[in-house]
Amino acid sequence: MENGSNEIPDIKERVISTLKTIFDPEIPFNIYDLGLIYKLEVDENSGEVLIEMTLTSPSCPVAESLPREAENKVRAIPGVSSVQLVLVWDPPWSPDKLSDAAKLQLNIL
């Protein structure tokens, strides 16, 4: 079976699906739809993944655990050979980074 077939999602799709299983404890949305993932680069051939993410606030109570959870869950995806997760604070997160689905649920779209 080829990697590009409809039966086997590519690594990037699996990474996004995995990130959507991780929820911010303060806002009831996953970190992907919250817009906390600023950059996602996946090399489909080598399985290397680069994630730049932020948190809703530098004083977020899960500042230590949430990035670690994301990195560990992505690292466990079949086909992923390495994960580099970088926590960034610039630009600061704001509600305008929410996905359209999250904005709809919060009635701000």
N, C-alpha and C. Protein backbone atom coordinates (compact mmCIF):
# COMPACT_ATOMS: atom_id res chain seq x y z
N MET A 1 0.83 -1.18 0.00
CA MET A 1 0.00 0.00 0.00
C MET A 1 0.88 1.25 0.00
N GLU A 2 0.53 2.19 -0.79
CA GLU A 2 1.32 3.41 -0.86
C GLU A 2 0.97 4.37 0.26
N ASN A 3 1.94 5.17 0.66
CA ASN A 3 1.72 6.14 1.73
C ASN A 3 0.66 7.16 1.35
N GLY A 4 0.51 7.46 0.06
CA GLY A 4 -0.44 8.47 -0.37
C GLY A 4 -1.85 7.96 -0.56
N SER A 5 -2.10 6.67 -0.30
CA SER A 5 -3.44 6.15 -0.51
C SER A 5 -4.40 6.69 0.54
N ASN A 6 -5.68 6.57 0.23
CA ASN A 6 -6.70 7.06 1.16
C ASN A 6 -6.81 6.20 2.40
N GLU A 7 -6.29 4.98 2.35
CA GLU A 7 -6.43 4.07 3.48
C GLU A 7 -5.44 4.37 4.60
N ILE A 8 -4.29 4.91 4.26
CA ILE A 8 -3.27 5.20 5.26
C ILE A 8 -3.02 6.71 5.25
N PRO A 9 -3.43 7.41 6.32
CA PRO A 9 -3.19 8.86 6.33
C PRO A 9 -1.69 9.14 6.40
N ASP A 10 -1.29 10.25 5.79
CA ASP A 10 0.11 10.59 5.86
C ASP A 10 0.47 11.02 7.29
N ILE A 11 1.75 11.11 7.54
CA ILE A 11 2.21 11.40 8.90
C ILE A 11 1.66 12.74 9.38
N LYS A 12 1.65 13.76 8.53
CA LYS A 12 1.17 15.07 8.96
C LYS A 12 -0.29 14.99 9.41
N GLU A 13 -1.12 14.26 8.66
CA GLU A 13 -2.53 14.11 9.04
C GLU A 13 -2.64 13.41 10.40
N ARG A 14 -1.79 12.39 10.62
CA ARG A 14 -1.81 11.68 11.90
C ARG A 14 -1.33 12.58 13.04
N VAL A 15 -0.36 13.43 12.76
CA VAL A 15 0.12 14.37 13.78
C VAL A 15 -1.01 15.34 14.15
N ILE A 16 -1.68 15.89 13.15
CA ILE A 16 -2.78 16.83 13.42
C ILE A 16 -3.88 16.13 14.21
N SER A 17 -4.25 14.92 13.80
CA SER A 17 -5.28 14.17 14.53
C SER A 17 -4.87 13.93 15.98
N THR A 18 -3.61 13.64 16.19
CA THR A 18 -3.12 13.41 17.55
C THR A 18 -3.15 14.70 18.37
N LEU A 19 -2.72 15.81 17.77
CA LEU A 19 -2.74 17.09 18.49
C LEU A 19 -4.16 17.48 18.87
N LYS A 20 -5.13 17.05 18.07
CA LYS A 20 -6.52 17.36 18.37
C LYS A 20 -7.09 16.53 19.52
N THR A 21 -6.28 15.60 20.05
CA THR A 21 -6.71 14.82 21.23
C THR A 21 -6.19 15.41 22.53
N ILE A 22 -5.42 16.50 22.43
CA ILE A 22 -4.81 17.12 23.61
C ILE A 22 -5.57 18.41 23.91
N PHE A 23 -6.12 18.50 25.11
CA PHE A 23 -6.98 19.63 25.46
C PHE A 23 -6.33 20.54 26.49
N ASP A 24 -6.53 21.83 26.29
CA ASP A 24 -6.11 22.83 27.26
C ASP A 24 -7.08 22.75 28.43
N PRO A 25 -6.59 22.70 29.66
CA PRO A 25 -7.50 22.55 30.81
C PRO A 25 -8.33 23.80 31.11
N GLU A 26 -7.88 24.96 30.64
CA GLU A 26 -8.59 26.20 30.97
C GLU A 26 -9.67 26.54 29.95
N ILE A 27 -9.45 26.17 28.70
CA ILE A 27 -10.41 26.43 27.64
C ILE A 27 -10.73 25.06 27.04
N PRO A 28 -11.99 24.67 26.96
CA PRO A 28 -12.33 23.29 26.59
C PRO A 28 -12.18 22.98 25.10
N PHE A 29 -11.01 23.25 24.56
CA PHE A 29 -10.74 22.94 23.16
C PHE A 29 -9.38 22.29 23.05
N ASN A 30 -9.19 21.57 21.96
CA ASN A 30 -7.89 20.94 21.75
C ASN A 30 -6.87 22.00 21.32
N ILE A 31 -5.61 21.67 21.52
CA ILE A 31 -4.55 22.65 21.29
C ILE A 31 -4.42 23.05 19.82
N TYR A 32 -4.85 22.18 18.91
CA TYR A 32 -4.77 22.51 17.49
C TYR A 32 -5.84 23.55 17.13
N ASP A 33 -7.08 23.30 17.53
CA ASP A 33 -8.16 24.24 17.23
C ASP A 33 -8.06 25.53 18.03
N LEU A 34 -7.37 25.48 19.15
CA LEU A 34 -7.13 26.71 19.91
C LEU A 34 -6.13 27.63 19.21
N GLY A 35 -5.42 27.09 18.25
CA GLY A 35 -4.41 27.88 17.55
C GLY A 35 -3.10 27.95 18.30
N LEU A 36 -2.86 26.97 19.17
CA LEU A 36 -1.61 26.96 19.93
C LEU A 36 -0.44 26.40 19.12
N ILE A 37 -0.75 25.75 18.01
CA ILE A 37 0.30 25.22 17.14
C ILE A 37 0.60 26.29 16.09
N TYR A 38 1.75 26.90 16.21
CA TYR A 38 2.14 27.99 15.30
C TYR A 38 2.80 27.46 14.04
N LYS A 39 3.53 26.37 14.17
CA LYS A 39 4.22 25.81 13.00
C LYS A 39 4.24 24.30 13.14
N LEU A 40 3.98 23.63 12.02
CA LEU A 40 4.04 22.17 11.99
C LEU A 40 4.71 21.78 10.68
N GLU A 41 5.89 21.22 10.80
CA GLU A 41 6.62 20.75 9.62
C GLU A 41 6.87 19.26 9.79
N VAL A 42 6.53 18.51 8.74
CA VAL A 42 6.70 17.06 8.78
C VAL A 42 7.43 16.63 7.52
N ASP A 43 8.52 15.91 7.71
CA ASP A 43 9.21 15.31 6.58
C ASP A 43 8.65 13.90 6.44
N GLU A 44 7.81 13.70 5.44
CA GLU A 44 7.13 12.41 5.24
C GLU A 44 8.13 11.28 4.97
N ASN A 45 9.29 11.59 4.40
CA ASN A 45 10.27 10.55 4.09
C ASN A 45 11.07 10.11 5.31
N SER A 46 11.52 11.07 6.11
CA SER A 46 12.35 10.73 7.26
C SER A 46 11.54 10.53 8.54
N GLY A 47 10.32 11.07 8.56
CA GLY A 47 9.50 10.97 9.77
C GLY A 47 9.85 12.01 10.82
N GLU A 48 10.65 13.01 10.45
CA GLU A 48 11.02 14.06 11.39
C GLU A 48 9.90 15.10 11.48
N VAL A 49 9.59 15.51 12.72
CA VAL A 49 8.50 16.45 12.96
C VAL A 49 9.03 17.64 13.75
N LEU A 50 8.69 18.84 13.30
CA LEU A 50 9.02 20.06 14.02
C LEU A 50 7.71 20.74 14.38
N ILE A 51 7.55 21.03 15.66
CA ILE A 51 6.35 21.72 16.13
C ILE A 51 6.78 22.96 16.90
N GLU A 52 6.22 24.10 16.52
CA GLU A 52 6.37 25.30 17.34
C GLU A 52 4.99 25.58 17.91
N MET A 53 4.93 25.66 19.22
CA MET A 53 3.64 25.89 19.86
C MET A 53 3.78 26.92 20.96
N THR A 54 2.66 27.45 21.38
CA THR A 54 2.62 28.38 22.48
C THR A 54 1.56 27.89 23.46
N LEU A 55 1.35 28.66 24.48
CA LEU A 55 0.28 28.39 25.45
C LEU A 55 -0.57 29.64 25.53
N THR A 56 -1.74 29.52 26.11
CA THR A 56 -2.63 30.68 26.18
C THR A 56 -2.03 31.80 27.01
N SER A 57 -1.12 31.43 27.92
CA SER A 57 -0.48 32.43 28.78
C SER A 57 0.81 31.84 29.34
N PRO A 58 1.84 32.66 29.53
CA PRO A 58 3.08 32.15 30.13
C PRO A 58 2.85 31.58 31.54
N SER A 59 1.81 32.03 32.22
CA SER A 59 1.55 31.53 33.57
C SER A 59 0.56 30.36 33.55
N CYS A 60 0.34 29.78 32.38
CA CYS A 60 -0.57 28.65 32.24
C CYS A 60 -0.14 27.53 33.20
N PRO A 61 -1.10 26.96 33.95
CA PRO A 61 -0.74 25.95 34.94
C PRO A 61 -0.17 24.66 34.32
N VAL A 62 -0.34 24.46 33.04
CA VAL A 62 0.20 23.26 32.41
C VAL A 62 1.39 23.57 31.50
N ALA A 63 2.07 24.68 31.80
CA ALA A 63 3.20 25.11 30.97
C ALA A 63 4.28 24.03 30.87
N GLU A 64 4.43 23.25 31.92
CA GLU A 64 5.43 22.18 31.90
C GLU A 64 4.89 20.92 31.23
N SER A 65 3.66 20.57 31.54
CA SER A 65 3.14 19.27 31.11
C SER A 65 2.52 19.24 29.71
N LEU A 66 1.87 20.30 29.27
CA LEU A 66 1.18 20.27 27.99
C LEU A 66 2.13 20.09 26.81
N PRO A 67 3.22 20.85 26.72
CA PRO A 67 4.16 20.61 25.61
C PRO A 67 4.77 19.20 25.67
N ARG A 68 5.06 18.71 26.85
CA ARG A 68 5.62 17.37 27.00
C ARG A 68 4.61 16.32 26.53
N GLU A 69 3.34 16.52 26.89
CA GLU A 69 2.29 15.60 26.44
C GLU A 69 2.20 15.59 24.92
N ALA A 70 2.23 16.76 24.31
CA ALA A 70 2.16 16.85 22.85
C ALA A 70 3.35 16.14 22.22
N GLU A 71 4.52 16.40 22.72
CA GLU A 71 5.73 15.78 22.16
C GLU A 71 5.67 14.26 22.29
N ASN A 72 5.29 13.76 23.46
CA ASN A 72 5.24 12.32 23.68
C ASN A 72 4.19 11.63 22.82
N LYS A 73 3.02 12.25 22.67
CA LYS A 73 1.97 11.65 21.85
C LYS A 73 2.36 11.63 20.37
N VAL A 74 2.98 12.70 19.90
CA VAL A 74 3.41 12.74 18.50
C VAL A 74 4.54 11.74 18.27
N ARG A 75 5.46 11.63 19.21
CA ARG A 75 6.58 10.70 19.09
C ARG A 75 6.09 9.25 18.97
N ALA A 76 4.92 8.94 19.54
CA ALA A 76 4.38 7.58 19.53
C ALA A 76 3.66 7.22 18.23
N ILE A 77 3.50 8.17 17.32
CA ILE A 77 2.81 7.92 16.06
C ILE A 77 3.70 7.06 15.17
N PRO A 78 3.14 5.97 14.63
CA PRO A 78 3.92 5.15 13.69
C PRO A 78 4.40 6.00 12.51
N GLY A 79 5.68 5.85 12.19
CA GLY A 79 6.27 6.61 11.09
C GLY A 79 7.02 7.84 11.54
N VAL A 80 6.78 8.31 12.77
CA VAL A 80 7.51 9.47 13.30
C VAL A 80 8.83 8.97 13.87
N SER A 81 9.93 9.53 13.36
CA SER A 81 11.25 9.11 13.82
C SER A 81 11.81 10.03 14.90
N SER A 82 11.44 11.32 14.82
CA SER A 82 11.91 12.26 15.83
C SER A 82 10.96 13.45 15.91
N VAL A 83 10.94 14.07 17.08
CA VAL A 83 10.09 15.23 17.30
C VAL A 83 10.92 16.32 17.95
N GLN A 84 10.87 17.49 17.36
CA GLN A 84 11.46 18.67 17.98
C GLN A 84 10.30 19.61 18.27
N LEU A 85 10.03 19.82 19.55
CA LEU A 85 8.96 20.73 19.95
C LEU A 85 9.58 21.95 20.60
N VAL A 86 9.23 23.11 20.07
CA VAL A 86 9.77 24.37 20.56
C VAL A 86 8.61 25.19 21.11
N LEU A 87 8.73 25.60 22.36
CA LEU A 87 7.71 26.45 22.98
C LEU A 87 8.09 27.90 22.71
N VAL A 88 7.17 28.65 22.08
CA VAL A 88 7.44 30.04 21.73
C VAL A 88 6.39 30.94 22.37
N TRP A 89 6.75 32.19 22.57
CA TRP A 89 5.82 33.16 23.18
C TRP A 89 5.54 34.34 22.27
N ASP A 90 6.17 34.35 21.10
CA ASP A 90 5.99 35.47 20.19
C ASP A 90 5.57 34.93 18.83
N PRO A 91 4.44 35.31 18.32
CA PRO A 91 3.52 36.29 18.90
C PRO A 91 2.71 35.67 20.03
N PRO A 92 2.28 36.49 20.97
CA PRO A 92 1.46 35.96 22.07
C PRO A 92 0.14 35.41 21.52
N TRP A 93 -0.35 34.36 22.17
CA TRP A 93 -1.63 33.79 21.77
C TRP A 93 -2.76 34.77 22.06
N SER A 94 -3.75 34.77 21.20
CA SER A 94 -4.96 35.57 21.41
C SER A 94 -6.13 34.80 20.79
N PRO A 95 -7.36 35.12 21.17
CA PRO A 95 -8.51 34.39 20.64
C PRO A 95 -8.66 34.44 19.12
N ASP A 96 -8.01 35.38 18.45
CA ASP A 96 -8.12 35.40 17.00
C ASP A 96 -7.40 34.23 16.34
N LYS A 97 -6.62 33.48 17.11
CA LYS A 97 -5.91 32.31 16.60
C LYS A 97 -6.79 31.05 16.63
N LEU A 98 -7.98 31.15 17.23
CA LEU A 98 -8.89 30.01 17.28
C LEU A 98 -9.28 29.57 15.87
N SER A 99 -9.50 28.28 15.68
CA SER A 99 -10.00 27.80 14.39
C SER A 99 -11.44 28.29 14.23
N ASP A 100 -11.93 28.25 13.00
CA ASP A 100 -13.33 28.66 12.78
C ASP A 100 -14.29 27.78 13.57
N ALA A 101 -13.97 26.49 13.68
CA ALA A 101 -14.84 25.58 14.45
C ALA A 101 -14.90 26.00 15.92
N ALA A 102 -13.76 26.36 16.49
CA ALA A 102 -13.73 26.79 17.88
C ALA A 102 -14.46 28.12 18.05
N LYS A 103 -14.27 29.03 17.10
CA LYS A 103 -14.97 30.32 17.18
C LYS A 103 -16.48 30.12 17.11
N LEU A 104 -16.91 29.19 16.25
CA LEU A 104 -18.34 28.89 16.14
C LEU A 104 -18.90 28.39 17.48
N GLN A 105 -18.16 27.45 18.08
CA GLN A 105 -18.62 26.90 19.36
C GLN A 105 -18.66 27.94 20.47
N LEU A 106 -17.79 28.92 20.39
CA LEU A 106 -17.76 29.98 21.40
C LEU A 106 -18.63 31.17 21.01
N ASN A 107 -19.34 31.04 19.88
CA ASN A 107 -20.20 32.11 19.37
C ASN A 107 -19.45 33.42 19.15
N ILE A 108 -18.23 33.33 18.61
CA ILE A 108 -17.49 34.56 18.31
C ILE A 108 -17.15 34.65 16.83
N LEU A 109 -17.86 33.87 16.00
CA LEU A 109 -17.61 33.92 14.55
C LEU A 109 -18.74 34.66 13.87
